[in-house]
N, C-alpha and C. Protein backbone atom coordinates (compact mmCIF):
# COMPACT_ATOMS: atom_id res chain seq x y z
N MET A 1 9.68 -14.91 -12.53
CA MET A 1 10.45 -13.72 -12.82
C MET A 1 10.04 -12.62 -11.85
N ALA A 2 10.99 -12.04 -11.21
CA ALA A 2 10.71 -11.00 -10.24
C ALA A 2 10.30 -9.70 -10.94
N LEU A 3 9.42 -8.97 -10.31
CA LEU A 3 8.99 -7.69 -10.83
C LEU A 3 10.08 -6.67 -10.54
N ARG A 4 10.51 -5.96 -11.55
CA ARG A 4 11.56 -4.97 -11.37
C ARG A 4 10.93 -3.60 -11.12
N ILE A 5 11.48 -2.90 -10.16
CA ILE A 5 11.00 -1.56 -9.81
C ILE A 5 11.92 -0.55 -10.47
N ASN A 6 11.32 0.45 -11.08
CA ASN A 6 12.08 1.54 -11.67
C ASN A 6 13.03 2.10 -10.62
N HIS A 7 14.31 2.20 -10.95
CA HIS A 7 15.35 2.62 -10.00
C HIS A 7 15.03 4.00 -9.40
N ILE A 8 14.64 4.93 -10.22
CA ILE A 8 14.36 6.29 -9.74
C ILE A 8 13.16 6.28 -8.81
N ARG A 9 12.12 5.54 -9.17
CA ARG A 9 10.92 5.46 -8.33
C ARG A 9 11.25 4.77 -7.01
N GLY A 10 12.07 3.74 -7.07
CA GLY A 10 12.48 3.05 -5.84
C GLY A 10 13.27 3.96 -4.92
N GLU A 11 14.17 4.75 -5.48
CA GLU A 11 14.93 5.72 -4.67
C GLU A 11 14.01 6.77 -4.07
N ARG A 12 13.04 7.23 -4.85
CA ARG A 12 12.08 8.23 -4.35
C ARG A 12 11.27 7.65 -3.19
N ALA A 13 10.83 6.39 -3.34
CA ALA A 13 10.06 5.74 -2.26
C ALA A 13 10.91 5.62 -1.00
N ARG A 14 12.19 5.28 -1.16
CA ARG A 14 13.09 5.18 0.00
C ARG A 14 13.23 6.53 0.68
N ALA A 15 13.39 7.59 -0.11
CA ALA A 15 13.51 8.93 0.45
C ALA A 15 12.23 9.31 1.20
N MET A 16 11.08 8.93 0.65
CA MET A 16 9.81 9.25 1.31
C MET A 16 9.65 8.46 2.60
N ARG A 17 10.16 7.23 2.65
CA ARG A 17 10.11 6.44 3.89
C ARG A 17 10.98 7.08 4.96
N ASN A 18 12.09 7.68 4.53
CA ASN A 18 13.02 8.29 5.48
C ASN A 18 12.58 9.68 5.95
N ALA A 19 11.61 10.28 5.26
CA ALA A 19 11.14 11.62 5.65
C ALA A 19 9.61 11.69 5.58
N PRO A 20 8.94 10.90 6.42
CA PRO A 20 7.46 10.89 6.37
C PRO A 20 6.88 12.18 6.93
N THR A 21 5.66 12.48 6.51
CA THR A 21 4.94 13.60 7.09
C THR A 21 4.50 13.20 8.51
N GLU A 22 4.13 14.16 9.30
CA GLU A 22 3.68 13.86 10.67
C GLU A 22 2.45 12.93 10.68
N PRO A 23 1.43 13.18 9.84
CA PRO A 23 0.30 12.24 9.83
C PRO A 23 0.71 10.83 9.42
N GLU A 24 1.64 10.70 8.46
CA GLU A 24 2.11 9.37 8.07
C GLU A 24 2.83 8.68 9.22
N LYS A 25 3.66 9.42 9.94
CA LYS A 25 4.36 8.85 11.11
C LYS A 25 3.37 8.33 12.14
N ARG A 26 2.36 9.15 12.43
CA ARG A 26 1.38 8.76 13.45
C ARG A 26 0.58 7.53 13.03
N LEU A 27 0.17 7.48 11.76
CA LEU A 27 -0.58 6.32 11.30
C LEU A 27 0.30 5.08 11.27
N TRP A 28 1.56 5.24 10.86
CA TRP A 28 2.48 4.10 10.80
C TRP A 28 2.67 3.48 12.18
N ARG A 29 2.63 4.27 13.23
CA ARG A 29 2.76 3.72 14.59
C ARG A 29 1.68 2.69 14.88
N HIS A 30 0.54 2.81 14.23
CA HIS A 30 -0.57 1.89 14.46
C HIS A 30 -0.62 0.74 13.44
N LEU A 31 0.00 0.96 12.27
CA LEU A 31 -0.05 -0.05 11.21
C LEU A 31 1.17 -0.97 11.21
N SER A 32 2.29 -0.50 11.75
CA SER A 32 3.53 -1.29 11.68
C SER A 32 3.42 -2.54 12.55
N ASN A 33 4.27 -3.49 12.23
CA ASN A 33 4.38 -4.73 13.01
C ASN A 33 3.06 -5.49 13.11
N SER A 34 2.23 -5.39 12.10
CA SER A 34 0.95 -6.12 12.03
C SER A 34 0.06 -5.86 13.24
N GLN A 35 0.12 -4.64 13.78
CA GLN A 35 -0.65 -4.31 14.98
C GLN A 35 -2.14 -4.21 14.74
N LEU A 36 -2.54 -3.84 13.53
CA LEU A 36 -3.95 -3.63 13.25
C LEU A 36 -4.55 -4.91 12.68
N GLY A 37 -5.18 -5.68 13.53
CA GLY A 37 -5.86 -6.90 13.09
C GLY A 37 -4.97 -7.96 12.51
N GLY A 38 -3.67 -7.86 12.72
CA GLY A 38 -2.73 -8.84 12.17
C GLY A 38 -2.39 -8.60 10.71
N PHE A 39 -2.86 -7.50 10.12
CA PHE A 39 -2.58 -7.20 8.72
C PHE A 39 -1.21 -6.55 8.61
N LYS A 40 -0.39 -7.05 7.69
CA LYS A 40 0.96 -6.51 7.49
C LYS A 40 0.90 -5.40 6.45
N PHE A 41 1.29 -4.21 6.86
CA PHE A 41 1.34 -3.06 5.96
C PHE A 41 2.78 -2.69 5.68
N ARG A 42 3.00 -2.14 4.51
CA ARG A 42 4.30 -1.59 4.13
C ARG A 42 4.12 -0.11 3.85
N ARG A 43 5.22 0.65 4.02
CA ARG A 43 5.19 2.09 3.76
C ARG A 43 5.80 2.40 2.41
N GLN A 44 5.26 3.43 1.76
CA GLN A 44 5.80 3.95 0.51
C GLN A 44 6.18 2.83 -0.44
N THR A 45 5.17 2.08 -0.84
CA THR A 45 5.34 0.92 -1.70
C THR A 45 5.18 1.32 -3.16
N VAL A 46 6.09 0.86 -4.00
CA VAL A 46 5.97 1.11 -5.43
C VAL A 46 5.03 0.06 -6.01
N ILE A 47 3.94 0.53 -6.61
CA ILE A 47 2.98 -0.35 -7.28
C ILE A 47 2.76 0.22 -8.66
N GLY A 48 3.25 -0.51 -9.67
CA GLY A 48 3.15 0.01 -11.03
C GLY A 48 3.97 1.29 -11.14
N THR A 49 3.32 2.34 -11.58
CA THR A 49 4.00 3.64 -11.71
C THR A 49 3.75 4.54 -10.52
N TYR A 50 3.15 4.01 -9.48
CA TYR A 50 2.76 4.82 -8.32
C TYR A 50 3.55 4.45 -7.07
N ILE A 51 3.66 5.41 -6.18
CA ILE A 51 4.20 5.16 -4.85
C ILE A 51 3.03 5.37 -3.89
N CYS A 52 2.65 4.30 -3.22
CA CYS A 52 1.48 4.33 -2.33
C CYS A 52 1.95 4.50 -0.89
N ASP A 53 1.24 5.32 -0.11
CA ASP A 53 1.64 5.60 1.26
C ASP A 53 1.75 4.33 2.09
N PHE A 54 0.70 3.51 2.10
CA PHE A 54 0.69 2.25 2.86
C PHE A 54 -0.03 1.21 2.02
N SER A 55 0.45 -0.02 2.06
CA SER A 55 -0.22 -1.09 1.32
C SER A 55 -0.17 -2.39 2.09
N CYS A 56 -1.20 -3.19 1.89
CA CYS A 56 -1.29 -4.52 2.49
C CYS A 56 -1.43 -5.51 1.34
N SER A 57 -0.38 -6.26 1.05
CA SER A 57 -0.43 -7.18 -0.09
C SER A 57 -1.34 -8.37 0.16
N GLN A 58 -1.63 -8.67 1.42
CA GLN A 58 -2.50 -9.79 1.76
C GLN A 58 -3.89 -9.65 1.14
N ASN A 59 -4.40 -8.41 1.10
CA ASN A 59 -5.75 -8.21 0.57
C ASN A 59 -5.83 -7.09 -0.47
N GLY A 60 -4.70 -6.48 -0.81
CA GLY A 60 -4.69 -5.45 -1.84
C GLY A 60 -5.20 -4.09 -1.40
N LEU A 61 -5.16 -3.84 -0.09
CA LEU A 61 -5.64 -2.56 0.43
C LEU A 61 -4.51 -1.54 0.39
N ILE A 62 -4.83 -0.36 -0.13
CA ILE A 62 -3.89 0.76 -0.18
C ILE A 62 -4.49 1.89 0.64
N ILE A 63 -3.67 2.49 1.49
CA ILE A 63 -4.10 3.63 2.31
C ILE A 63 -3.31 4.85 1.85
N GLU A 64 -4.01 5.91 1.54
CA GLU A 64 -3.37 7.17 1.15
C GLU A 64 -3.73 8.24 2.18
N VAL A 65 -2.73 9.01 2.58
CA VAL A 65 -2.92 10.13 3.50
C VAL A 65 -2.62 11.39 2.70
N ASP A 66 -3.63 12.22 2.52
CA ASP A 66 -3.52 13.36 1.61
C ASP A 66 -3.47 14.69 2.35
N GLY A 67 -2.56 15.54 1.91
CA GLY A 67 -2.47 16.90 2.41
C GLY A 67 -3.41 17.81 1.64
N ASP A 68 -3.32 19.08 1.92
CA ASP A 68 -4.21 20.06 1.29
C ASP A 68 -3.91 20.27 -0.18
N THR A 69 -2.74 19.91 -0.65
CA THR A 69 -2.34 20.21 -2.02
C THR A 69 -2.67 19.10 -3.01
N HIS A 70 -3.34 18.04 -2.59
CA HIS A 70 -3.63 16.95 -3.49
C HIS A 70 -4.63 17.36 -4.57
N ASP A 71 -4.39 16.88 -5.78
CA ASP A 71 -5.26 17.13 -6.92
C ASP A 71 -6.32 16.02 -6.95
N VAL A 72 -7.55 16.39 -6.65
CA VAL A 72 -8.65 15.42 -6.53
C VAL A 72 -8.86 14.65 -7.83
N ASP A 73 -8.80 15.34 -8.96
CA ASP A 73 -9.00 14.67 -10.25
C ASP A 73 -7.89 13.67 -10.55
N ALA A 74 -6.65 14.08 -10.29
CA ALA A 74 -5.52 13.16 -10.51
C ALA A 74 -5.61 11.97 -9.57
N ASP A 75 -6.01 12.21 -8.32
CA ASP A 75 -6.16 11.11 -7.36
C ASP A 75 -7.23 10.13 -7.82
N MET A 76 -8.32 10.64 -8.38
CA MET A 76 -9.39 9.77 -8.84
C MET A 76 -8.90 8.87 -9.99
N LEU A 77 -8.16 9.44 -10.92
CA LEU A 77 -7.60 8.65 -12.02
C LEU A 77 -6.62 7.60 -11.49
N ARG A 78 -5.80 8.00 -10.56
CA ARG A 78 -4.82 7.09 -9.95
C ARG A 78 -5.53 5.93 -9.25
N ASP A 79 -6.57 6.25 -8.49
CA ASP A 79 -7.34 5.22 -7.79
C ASP A 79 -7.98 4.25 -8.78
N GLN A 80 -8.49 4.77 -9.88
CA GLN A 80 -9.11 3.90 -10.90
C GLN A 80 -8.08 2.96 -11.51
N MET A 81 -6.88 3.47 -11.77
CA MET A 81 -5.82 2.62 -12.33
C MET A 81 -5.43 1.52 -11.32
N LEU A 82 -5.30 1.90 -10.06
CA LEU A 82 -4.94 0.92 -9.03
C LEU A 82 -6.06 -0.12 -8.87
N MET A 83 -7.31 0.32 -8.97
CA MET A 83 -8.43 -0.63 -8.86
C MET A 83 -8.42 -1.60 -10.04
N ARG A 84 -8.06 -1.12 -11.23
CA ARG A 84 -7.95 -2.02 -12.39
C ARG A 84 -6.85 -3.06 -12.18
N MET A 85 -5.87 -2.71 -11.38
CA MET A 85 -4.77 -3.64 -11.07
C MET A 85 -5.13 -4.56 -9.91
N GLY A 86 -6.35 -4.43 -9.36
CA GLY A 86 -6.80 -5.33 -8.31
C GLY A 86 -6.64 -4.82 -6.90
N PHE A 87 -6.42 -3.52 -6.74
CA PHE A 87 -6.25 -2.93 -5.42
C PHE A 87 -7.49 -2.13 -5.02
N PHE A 88 -7.64 -1.91 -3.72
CA PHE A 88 -8.71 -1.07 -3.19
C PHE A 88 -8.05 0.07 -2.43
N VAL A 89 -8.45 1.31 -2.73
CA VAL A 89 -7.80 2.48 -2.14
C VAL A 89 -8.72 3.16 -1.14
N LEU A 90 -8.19 3.41 0.06
CA LEU A 90 -8.86 4.24 1.06
C LEU A 90 -8.05 5.51 1.21
N ARG A 91 -8.72 6.66 1.18
CA ARG A 91 -8.04 7.95 1.33
C ARG A 91 -8.52 8.64 2.59
N PHE A 92 -7.54 9.22 3.29
CA PHE A 92 -7.83 10.01 4.47
C PHE A 92 -7.05 11.33 4.36
N SER A 93 -7.63 12.38 4.88
CA SER A 93 -6.92 13.65 4.89
C SER A 93 -5.96 13.68 6.08
N ASN A 94 -4.99 14.57 6.00
CA ASN A 94 -4.07 14.75 7.14
C ASN A 94 -4.85 15.05 8.41
N SER A 95 -5.87 15.90 8.30
CA SER A 95 -6.63 16.26 9.50
C SER A 95 -7.42 15.06 10.05
N ASP A 96 -7.90 14.16 9.18
CA ASP A 96 -8.54 12.93 9.66
C ASP A 96 -7.59 12.15 10.56
N VAL A 97 -6.37 11.97 10.07
CA VAL A 97 -5.38 11.19 10.81
C VAL A 97 -5.00 11.89 12.11
N MET A 98 -4.81 13.20 12.05
CA MET A 98 -4.36 13.94 13.23
C MET A 98 -5.46 14.09 14.29
N ASP A 99 -6.72 14.24 13.84
CA ASP A 99 -7.81 14.56 14.77
C ASP A 99 -8.75 13.39 15.08
N ASN A 100 -8.70 12.33 14.28
CA ASN A 100 -9.65 11.24 14.47
C ASN A 100 -8.98 9.89 14.18
N MET A 101 -7.87 9.63 14.85
CA MET A 101 -7.11 8.41 14.60
C MET A 101 -7.95 7.16 14.83
N ASN A 102 -8.75 7.14 15.88
CA ASN A 102 -9.57 5.95 16.14
C ASN A 102 -10.55 5.67 15.01
N GLY A 103 -11.16 6.72 14.48
CA GLY A 103 -12.08 6.55 13.35
C GLY A 103 -11.36 6.06 12.10
N VAL A 104 -10.17 6.57 11.85
CA VAL A 104 -9.36 6.14 10.70
C VAL A 104 -9.00 4.67 10.85
N LEU A 105 -8.55 4.28 12.04
CA LEU A 105 -8.15 2.89 12.26
C LEU A 105 -9.35 1.95 12.15
N GLU A 106 -10.49 2.36 12.65
CA GLU A 106 -11.70 1.53 12.53
C GLU A 106 -12.07 1.35 11.06
N ALA A 107 -12.00 2.42 10.27
CA ALA A 107 -12.33 2.33 8.84
C ALA A 107 -11.35 1.41 8.11
N ILE A 108 -10.06 1.53 8.43
CA ILE A 108 -9.05 0.68 7.79
C ILE A 108 -9.28 -0.78 8.15
N LEU A 109 -9.45 -1.06 9.44
CA LEU A 109 -9.64 -2.44 9.89
C LEU A 109 -10.92 -3.04 9.30
N SER A 110 -11.97 -2.26 9.26
CA SER A 110 -13.23 -2.74 8.71
C SER A 110 -13.06 -3.13 7.23
N ARG A 111 -12.41 -2.28 6.47
CA ARG A 111 -12.21 -2.57 5.04
C ARG A 111 -11.24 -3.73 4.86
N ALA A 112 -10.17 -3.76 5.65
CA ALA A 112 -9.19 -4.84 5.53
C ALA A 112 -9.83 -6.20 5.80
N MET A 113 -10.71 -6.24 6.77
CA MET A 113 -11.38 -7.50 7.10
C MET A 113 -12.41 -7.89 6.04
N ALA A 114 -12.99 -6.90 5.37
CA ALA A 114 -14.04 -7.17 4.37
C ALA A 114 -13.45 -7.62 3.03
N LEU A 115 -12.22 -7.24 2.74
CA LEU A 115 -11.62 -7.59 1.45
C LEU A 115 -11.19 -9.05 1.45
N PRO A 116 -11.38 -9.74 0.33
CA PRO A 116 -10.93 -11.14 0.27
C PRO A 116 -9.41 -11.20 0.22
N GLU A 117 -8.90 -12.29 0.74
CA GLU A 117 -7.45 -12.51 0.68
C GLU A 117 -7.06 -12.73 -0.77
N ARG A 118 -5.97 -12.11 -1.16
CA ARG A 118 -5.48 -12.28 -2.54
C ARG A 118 -4.76 -13.60 -2.64
N ARG A 119 -4.96 -14.27 -3.72
CA ARG A 119 -4.32 -15.56 -3.95
C ARG A 119 -3.11 -15.37 -4.85
N TYR A 120 -2.00 -15.90 -4.44
CA TYR A 120 -0.80 -15.86 -5.27
C TYR A 120 -0.46 -17.28 -5.64
N SER A 121 -0.28 -17.51 -6.93
CA SER A 121 0.12 -18.86 -7.33
C SER A 121 1.65 -18.89 -7.34
N PRO A 122 2.21 -19.85 -6.68
CA PRO A 122 3.67 -19.92 -6.65
C PRO A 122 4.22 -20.21 -8.04
N THR A 123 5.43 -19.77 -8.27
CA THR A 123 6.07 -20.05 -9.56
C THR A 123 6.35 -21.54 -9.62
N PRO A 124 5.88 -22.19 -10.68
CA PRO A 124 6.12 -23.63 -10.77
C PRO A 124 7.61 -23.93 -10.97
N THR A 125 8.04 -25.02 -10.39
CA THR A 125 9.43 -25.45 -10.56
C THR A 125 9.57 -26.07 -11.95
N PRO A 126 10.54 -25.61 -12.74
CA PRO A 126 10.71 -26.19 -14.07
C PRO A 126 11.11 -27.66 -13.95
N PRO A 127 10.81 -28.45 -14.98
CA PRO A 127 11.19 -29.87 -14.95
C PRO A 127 12.70 -30.03 -14.85
N LEU A 128 13.13 -31.13 -14.24
CA LEU A 128 14.55 -31.37 -14.05
C LEU A 128 15.29 -31.66 -15.35
N GLU A 129 14.63 -32.29 -16.33
CA GLU A 129 15.34 -32.60 -17.56
C GLU A 129 15.77 -31.30 -18.25
N GLY A 130 16.95 -31.34 -18.83
CA GLY A 130 17.46 -30.15 -19.49
C GLY A 130 18.27 -29.26 -18.57
N ARG A 131 18.37 -29.66 -17.29
CA ARG A 131 19.15 -28.85 -16.35
C ARG A 131 20.40 -29.62 -15.90
N GLY A 132 20.87 -30.53 -16.75
CA GLY A 132 22.08 -31.27 -16.43
C GLY A 132 21.87 -32.49 -15.55
N PHE A 133 20.63 -32.88 -15.34
CA PHE A 133 20.34 -34.05 -14.50
C PHE A 133 20.04 -35.24 -15.35
């Protein structure tokens, strides 16, 4: 059974992909097309009730780029919920991305390589009997 995404949240994520902040644009230039260590990242991914800036489903790594207006307490609760769901969150400030891109990329690659690959069990094929055969 496919996971359904809340329609409103999905539309919001699409709008955010179409209007990224400058730090998000710059980081995406390095994460897109599996450029960083071969890890495939997605932008503005809906995970549960959250929209994450960047995510790598291969290892469950989430990258958040935060502006000055982020609520530290709310972010901490959000990170804890995502960790309970099996994800690992790395946060960088806008100024980190704008002023120290190499350091940000090194930190992301280091963590991505250290995380174990997530295992997905394929959906089993139902037995043929009962399907008109």
